[in-house]
Amino acid sequence: MKRHRTRDCPRRGFTLIELVVSAVLASILMAACLNIMWSALREGQELERRDSDRAAVDQMVDVLLTDLQNARGMVAGEQELVLHGFLGIRDGRPDHSPGRVRYAIVRAGDHNVLVRSVESVGGSQSSLVWLGMGAFQMDVLAMASEVDAAEAGSMAGAVETGGLPEIPDSFRVRLISESGRVLHSEVVHHHAM
C-alpha cells in the first residue's frame, strides 16, 4: 500500500469549511448591498412622491390664499371653512362680485375629499380640490382692535361679510392630510394683503 504524503504534494483546492465560510460571508455582503439598494430606491420614490404632492399642494394653496385675500367674513372649523367677500363668479370665471366660498371635507368611499363650492349672483359651481384631506386648523393670531372693528363694522356692515364674523387681521392656516401630515402651514396677514 502506498501512503499519501501530504508534505510532498501541494494542497489543491479549498477545504469544506473554507468554502462554507466564504459562501456565508458572500451572502451577508450581498444582503447588505441589497438592503442599501432597496433603501436608496425607497428614498427616491418618497422624494418623487413628495415633489408631485408639492406641486398639487401649491396649486391648492394658491386658490385658497386668493379666496382668503378677497374674503371679508370667515367661519372656520376642522371640517369646513366658509368665506364671504368678493369671491363671486360669472360664467365660470371669477368676477369679484359678492359671493360665498365653502371648503368642506366630505367622505367619498375610502377617502376624505376637499370640495370647494362657490355661490354668487353669477351662479354657483363646485369642484374637487384635494383627495385625502384630513382637517383645517385655523389659529387666530391677531384681531382688529375694538376701535378698528367699530370703524370696519360701520364701513363694511353685514353685506360685505355676509353675516359672518369679520376675518382676523392675522391667523395661521394649516392643511392636514388624512394621514396627519401637514400639507401646508402659513401665517396670513389679511389686512396687509
C-alpha atoms as a PDB file:
ATOM      1  CA  MET A   1       0.000   0.000   0.000  1.00  0.00           C
ATOM      2  CA  LYS A   2       1.006   3.419  -0.807  1.00  0.00           C
ATOM      3  CA  ARG A   3       0.733   6.088   1.780  1.00  0.00           C
ATOM      4  CA  HIS A   4      -0.324   9.533   0.796  1.00  0.00           C
ATOM      5  CA  ARG A   5       2.341  12.042   1.533  1.00  0.00           C
ATOM      6  CA  THR A   6       0.999  15.428   2.486  1.00  0.00           C
ATOM      7  CA  ARG A   7       4.332  17.170   2.734  1.00  0.00           C
ATOM      8  CA  ASP A   8       5.460  16.435  -0.752  1.00  0.00           C
ATOM      9  CA  CYS A   9       2.141  17.177  -2.524  1.00  0.00           C
ATOM     10  CA  PRO A  10       0.996  20.767  -2.605  1.00  0.00           C
ATOM     11  CA  ARG A  11      -2.574  21.259  -1.478  1.00  0.00           C
ATOM     12  CA  ARG A  12      -5.099  21.702  -4.284  1.00  0.00           C
ATOM     13  CA  GLY A  13      -8.446  23.487  -3.639  1.00  0.00           C
ATOM     14  CA  PHE A  14     -10.202  24.635  -0.506  1.00  0.00           C
ATOM     15  CA  THR A  15     -11.423  22.681   2.435  1.00  0.00           C
ATOM     16  CA  LEU A  16     -15.147  22.355   3.043  1.00  0.00           C
ATOM     17  CA  ILE A  17     -15.008  24.749   5.992  1.00  0.00           C
ATOM     18  CA  GLU A  18     -13.317  27.432   3.893  1.00  0.00           C
ATOM     19  CA  LEU A  19     -15.977  27.068   1.184  1.00  0.00           C
ATOM     20  CA  VAL A  20     -18.855  27.327   3.683  1.00  0.00           C
ATOM     21  CA  VAL A  21     -17.325  30.368   5.409  1.00  0.00           C
ATOM     22  CA  SER A  22     -16.765  32.158   2.095  1.00  0.00           C
ATOM     23  CA  ALA A  23     -20.352  31.399   0.989  1.00  0.00           C
ATOM     24  CA  VAL A  24     -21.746  32.762   4.277  1.00  0.00           C
ATOM     25  CA  LEU A  25     -19.614  35.915   4.050  1.00  0.00           C
ATOM     26  CA  ALA A  26     -20.629  36.465   0.421  1.00  0.00           C
ATOM     27  CA  SER A  27     -24.328  36.107   1.276  1.00  0.00           C
ATOM     28  CA  ILE A  28     -24.002  38.568   4.199  1.00  0.00           C
ATOM     29  CA  LEU A  29     -22.293  41.115   1.937  1.00  0.00           C
ATOM     30  CA  MET A  30     -24.895  40.580  -0.784  1.00  0.00           C
ATOM     31  CA  ALA A  31     -27.752  41.070   1.712  1.00  0.00           C
ATOM     32  CA  ALA A  32     -26.144  44.294   2.958  1.00  0.00           C
ATOM     33  CA  CYS A  33     -25.722  45.590  -0.611  1.00  0.00           C
ATOM     34  CA  LEU A  34     -29.335  44.732  -1.495  1.00  0.00           C
ATOM     35  CA  ASN A  35     -30.548  46.447   1.671  1.00  0.00           C
ATOM     36  CA  ILE A  36     -28.662  49.614   0.716  1.00  0.00           C
ATOM     37  CA  MET A  37     -30.051  49.479  -2.836  1.00  0.00           C
ATOM     38  CA  TRP A  38     -33.665  48.993  -1.650  1.00  0.00           C
ATOM     39  CA  SER A  39     -33.249  51.789   0.883  1.00  0.00           C
ATOM     40  CA  ALA A  40     -31.982  54.174  -1.807  1.00  0.00           C
ATOM     41  CA  LEU A  41     -34.831  53.160  -4.126  1.00  0.00           C
ATOM     42  CA  ARG A  42     -37.460  53.755  -1.418  1.00  0.00           C
ATOM     43  CA  GLU A  43     -35.942  57.157  -0.605  1.00  0.00           C
ATOM     44  CA  GLY A  44     -36.015  58.114  -4.281  1.00  0.00           C
ATOM     45  CA  GLN A  45     -39.651  57.083  -4.631  1.00  0.00           C
ATOM     46  CA  GLU A  46     -40.603  59.022  -1.484  1.00  0.00           C
ATOM     47  CA  LEU A  47     -38.851  62.153  -2.764  1.00  0.00           C
ATOM     48  CA  GLU A  48     -40.564  61.784  -6.131  1.00  0.00           C
ATOM     49  CA  ARG A  49     -43.968  61.408  -4.443  1.00  0.00           C
ATOM     50  CA  ARG A  50     -43.340  64.458  -2.259  1.00  0.00           C
ATOM     51  CA  ASP A  51     -42.319  66.539  -5.275  1.00  0.00           C
ATOM     52  CA  SER A  52     -45.504  65.657  -7.156  1.00  0.00           C
ATOM     53  CA  ASP A  53     -47.560  66.311  -3.994  1.00  0.00           C
ATOM     54  CA  ARG A  54     -45.818  69.649  -3.508  1.00  0.00           C
ATOM     55  CA  ALA A  55     -46.901  70.959  -6.920  1.00  0.00           C
ATOM     56  CA  ALA A  56     -50.521  69.947  -6.296  1.00  0.00           C
ATOM     57  CA  VAL A  57     -50.471  71.401  -2.771  1.00  0.00           C
ATOM     58  CA  ASP A  58     -49.022  74.671  -4.101  1.00  0.00           C
ATOM     59  CA  GLN A  59     -51.837  74.918  -6.634  1.00  0.00           C
ATOM     60  CA  MET A  60     -54.472  74.222  -3.955  1.00  0.00           C
ATOM     61  CA  VAL A  61     -52.887  76.781  -1.600  1.00  0.00           C
ATOM     62  CA  ASP A  62     -52.830  79.454  -4.336  1.00  0.00           C
ATOM     63  CA  VAL A  63     -56.607  79.117  -4.772  1.00  0.00           C
ATOM     64  CA  LEU A  64     -57.200  79.130  -1.005  1.00  0.00           C
ATOM     65  CA  LEU A  65     -54.968  82.179  -0.424  1.00  0.00           C
ATOM     66  CA  THR A  66     -56.720  84.074  -3.228  1.00  0.00           C
ATOM     67  CA  ASP A  67     -60.056  83.287  -1.590  1.00  0.00           C
ATOM     68  CA  LEU A  68     -58.732  84.376   1.815  1.00  0.00           C
ATOM     69  CA  GLN A  69     -57.357  87.593   0.312  1.00  0.00           C
ATOM     70  CA  ASN A  70     -60.734  88.512  -1.182  1.00  0.00           C
ATOM     71  CA  ALA A  71     -62.794  87.385   1.818  1.00  0.00           C
ATOM     72  CA  ARG A  72     -64.266  89.790   4.357  1.00  0.00           C
ATOM     73  CA  GLY A  73     -66.064  87.282   6.609  1.00  0.00           C
ATOM     74  CA  MET A  74     -64.986  83.813   7.742  1.00  0.00           C
ATOM     75  CA  VAL A  75     -66.168  80.860   9.821  1.00  0.00           C
ATOM     76  CA  ALA A  76     -63.645  78.055  10.276  1.00  0.00           C
ATOM     77  CA  GLY A  77     -63.971  74.553  11.680  1.00  0.00           C
ATOM     78  CA  GLU A  78     -61.954  71.350  11.344  1.00  0.00           C
ATOM     79  CA  GLN A  79     -64.131  70.012   8.532  1.00  0.00           C
ATOM     80  CA  GLU A  80     -65.336  73.238   6.929  1.00  0.00           C
ATOM     81  CA  LEU A  81     -64.212  76.744   6.037  1.00  0.00           C
ATOM     82  CA  VAL A  82     -66.797  79.305   4.906  1.00  0.00           C
ATOM     83  CA  LEU A  83     -65.671  82.608   3.399  1.00  0.00           C
ATOM     84  CA  HIS A  84     -67.739  85.566   2.223  1.00  0.00           C
ATOM     85  CA  GLY A  85     -66.474  88.553   0.298  1.00  0.00           C
ATOM     86  CA  PHE A  86     -65.603  89.461  -3.246  1.00  0.00           C
ATOM     87  CA  LEU A  87     -65.435  85.860  -4.382  1.00  0.00           C
ATOM     88  CA  GLY A  88     -68.214  85.713  -6.958  1.00  0.00           C
ATOM     89  CA  ILE A  89     -68.181  84.001 -10.325  1.00  0.00           C
ATOM     90  CA  ARG A  90     -69.893  84.738 -13.611  1.00  0.00           C
ATOM     91  CA  ASP A  91     -69.873  82.255 -16.490  1.00  0.00           C
ATOM     92  CA  GLY A  92     -67.416  80.089 -14.570  1.00  0.00           C
ATOM     93  CA  ARG A  93     -64.859  82.883 -14.132  1.00  0.00           C
ATOM     94  CA  PRO A  94     -64.090  84.987 -11.061  1.00  0.00           C
ATOM     95  CA  ASP A  95     -65.648  88.447 -11.260  1.00  0.00           C
ATOM     96  CA  HIS A  96     -65.046  89.675  -7.696  1.00  0.00           C
ATOM     97  CA  SER A  97     -68.731  90.283  -7.029  1.00  0.00           C
ATOM     98  CA  PRO A  98     -70.088  89.425  -3.565  1.00  0.00           C
ATOM     99  CA  GLY A  99     -70.143  85.693  -3.093  1.00  0.00           C
ATOM    100  CA  ARG A 100     -69.565  82.856  -0.676  1.00  0.00           C
ATOM    101  CA  VAL A 101     -66.980  80.084  -0.902  1.00  0.00           C
ATOM    102  CA  ARG A 102     -67.317  76.947   1.166  1.00  0.00           C
ATOM    103  CA  TYR A 103     -64.499  74.446   1.574  1.00  0.00           C
ATOM    104  CA  ALA A 104     -65.891  71.213   3.025  1.00  0.00           C
ATOM    105  CA  ILE A 105     -64.213  67.914   3.822  1.00  0.00           C
ATOM    106  CA  VAL A 106     -66.581  65.097   2.879  1.00  0.00           C
ATOM    107  CA  ARG A 107     -66.226  61.323   2.886  1.00  0.00           C
ATOM    108  CA  ALA A 108     -66.107  59.726  -0.573  1.00  0.00           C
ATOM    109  CA  GLY A 109     -65.530  55.992  -0.489  1.00  0.00           C
ATOM    110  CA  ASP A 110     -62.367  55.209   1.432  1.00  0.00           C
ATOM    111  CA  HIS A 111     -61.028  58.771   1.484  1.00  0.00           C
ATOM    112  CA  ASN A 112     -61.944  62.267   2.578  1.00  0.00           C
ATOM    113  CA  VAL A 113     -62.074  64.833  -0.198  1.00  0.00           C
ATOM    114  CA  LEU A 114     -61.938  68.610  -0.048  1.00  0.00           C
ATOM    115  CA  VAL A 115     -64.721  70.206  -2.089  1.00  0.00           C
ATOM    116  CA  ARG A 116     -64.789  73.915  -2.964  1.00  0.00           C
ATOM    117  CA  SER A 117     -68.244  75.385  -3.622  1.00  0.00           C
ATOM    118  CA  VAL A 118     -68.825  78.947  -4.849  1.00  0.00           C
ATOM    119  CA  GLU A 119     -72.217  80.673  -4.679  1.00  0.00           C
ATOM    120  CA  SER A 120     -72.804  84.159  -6.069  1.00  0.00           C
ATOM    121  CA  VAL A 121     -75.297  86.144  -8.115  1.00  0.00           C
ATOM    122  CA  GLY A 122     -73.458  84.976 -11.234  1.00  0.00           C
ATOM    123  CA  GLY A 123     -74.097  81.302 -10.494  1.00  0.00           C
ATOM    124  CA  SER A 124     -72.662  78.504  -8.453  1.00  0.00           C
ATOM    125  CA  GLN A 125     -70.133  75.784  -9.021  1.00  0.00           C
ATOM    126  CA  SER A 126     -68.418  73.035  -7.047  1.00  0.00           C
ATOM    127  CA  SER A 127     -65.102  71.360  -7.656  1.00  0.00           C
ATOM    128  CA  LEU A 128     -62.962  68.678  -6.080  1.00  0.00           C
ATOM    129  CA  VAL A 129     -59.833  70.295  -4.672  1.00  0.00           C
ATOM    130  CA  TRP A 130     -57.926  67.558  -2.819  1.00  0.00           C
ATOM    131  CA  LEU A 131     -58.169  63.813  -2.264  1.00  0.00           C
ATOM    132  CA  GLY A 132     -57.082  62.627   1.179  1.00  0.00           C
ATOM    133  CA  MET A 133     -57.770  65.817   3.148  1.00  0.00           C
ATOM    134  CA  GLY A 134     -57.902  65.408   6.910  1.00  0.00           C
ATOM    135  CA  ALA A 135     -58.623  68.764   8.549  1.00  0.00           C
ATOM    136  CA  PHE A 136     -58.273  72.531   8.569  1.00  0.00           C
ATOM    137  CA  GLN A 137     -56.615  74.209  11.508  1.00  0.00           C
ATOM    138  CA  MET A 138     -57.039  77.948  11.956  1.00  0.00           C
ATOM    139  CA  ASP A 139     -55.314  79.755  14.806  1.00  0.00           C
ATOM    140  CA  VAL A 140     -56.171  83.433  15.234  1.00  0.00           C
ATOM    141  CA  LEU A 141     -53.006  85.400  15.975  1.00  0.00           C
ATOM    142  CA  ALA A 142     -54.383  88.971  15.965  1.00  0.00           C
ATOM    143  CA  MET A 143     -57.822  90.531  15.757  1.00  0.00           C
ATOM    144  CA  ALA A 144     -58.601  94.112  14.816  1.00  0.00           C
ATOM    145  CA  SER A 145     -58.653  96.464  17.791  1.00  0.00           C
ATOM    146  CA  GLU A 146     -62.082  97.489  19.094  1.00  0.00           C
ATOM    147  CA  VAL A 147     -61.769 100.952  17.502  1.00  0.00           C
ATOM    148  CA  ASP A 148     -60.749  99.410  14.163  1.00  0.00           C
ATOM    149  CA  ALA A 149     -63.530  96.844  14.476  1.00  0.00           C
ATOM    150  CA  ALA A 150     -66.130  99.569  15.127  1.00  0.00           C
ATOM    151  CA  GLU A 151     -64.917 101.552  12.105  1.00  0.00           C
ATOM    152  CA  ALA A 152     -64.844  98.435   9.945  1.00  0.00           C
ATOM    153  CA  GLY A 153     -68.297  97.478  11.185  1.00  0.00           C
ATOM    154  CA  SER A 154     -69.729 100.812  10.158  1.00  0.00           C
ATOM    155  CA  MET A 155     -67.970 100.706   6.780  1.00  0.00           C
ATOM    156  CA  ALA A 156     -68.269  97.035   5.909  1.00  0.00           C
ATOM    157  CA  GLY A 157     -71.501  96.006   7.527  1.00  0.00           C
ATOM    158  CA  ALA A 158     -73.163  92.648   7.268  1.00  0.00           C
ATOM    159  CA  VAL A 159     -73.374  92.857   3.467  1.00  0.00           C
ATOM    160  CA  GLU A 160     -69.628  92.747   2.969  1.00  0.00           C
ATOM    161  CA  THR A 161     -69.048  89.944   5.490  1.00  0.00           C
ATOM    162  CA  GLY A 162     -72.213  88.073   4.520  1.00  0.00           C
ATOM    163  CA  GLY A 163     -73.286  87.960   8.154  1.00  0.00           C
ATOM    164  CA  LEU A 164     -70.143  86.019   9.072  1.00  0.00           C
ATOM    165  CA  PRO A 165     -67.624  87.191  11.676  1.00  0.00           C
ATOM    166  CA  GLU A 166     -65.024  89.538  10.215  1.00  0.00           C
ATOM    167  CA  ILE A 167     -61.846  87.852   9.057  1.00  0.00           C
ATOM    168  CA  PRO A 168     -58.991  88.264  11.599  1.00  0.00           C
ATOM    169  CA  ASP A 169     -56.027  90.546  10.912  1.00  0.00           C
ATOM    170  CA  SER A 170     -53.565  87.700  11.297  1.00  0.00           C
ATOM    171  CA  PHE A 171     -54.054  83.946  11.524  1.00  0.00           C
ATOM    172  CA  ARG A 172     -52.272  80.672  10.851  1.00  0.00           C
ATOM    173  CA  VAL A 173     -53.867  78.210   8.466  1.00  0.00           C
ATOM    174  CA  ARG A 174     -52.807  74.560   8.374  1.00  0.00           C
ATOM    175  CA  LEU A 175     -53.989  71.951   5.905  1.00  0.00           C
ATOM    176  CA  ILE A 176     -53.614  68.414   7.237  1.00  0.00           C
ATOM    177  CA  SER A 177     -53.876  65.182   5.247  1.00  0.00           C
ATOM    178  CA  GLU A 178     -55.789  62.068   6.328  1.00  0.00           C
ATOM    179  CA  SER A 179     -52.524  60.526   7.464  1.00  0.00           C
ATOM    180  CA  GLY A 180     -51.846  63.507   9.758  1.00  0.00           C
ATOM    181  CA  ARG A 181     -49.128  65.010   7.572  1.00  0.00           C
ATOM    182  CA  VAL A 182     -49.126  68.820   7.421  1.00  0.00           C
ATOM    183  CA  LEU A 183     -49.655  69.640   3.738  1.00  0.00           C
ATOM    184  CA  HIS A 184     -49.231  73.374   4.228  1.00  0.00           C
ATOM    185  CA  SER A 185     -48.869  75.813   7.101  1.00  0.00           C
ATOM    186  CA  GLU A 186     -48.800  79.549   6.615  1.00  0.00           C
ATOM    187  CA  VAL A 187     -49.379  82.705   8.614  1.00  0.00           C
ATOM    188  CA  VAL A 188     -51.774  85.008   6.760  1.00  0.00           C
ATOM    189  CA  HIS A 189     -51.763  88.745   7.444  1.00  0.00           C
ATOM    190  CA  HIS A 190     -55.143  89.505   5.910  1.00  0.00           C
ATOM    191  CA  HIS A 191     -55.317  93.277   6.130  1.00  0.00           C
ATOM    192  CA  ALA A 192     -51.732  93.593   4.888  1.00  0.00           C
ATOM    193  CA  MET A 193     -52.538  91.726   1.655  1.00  0.00           C
END
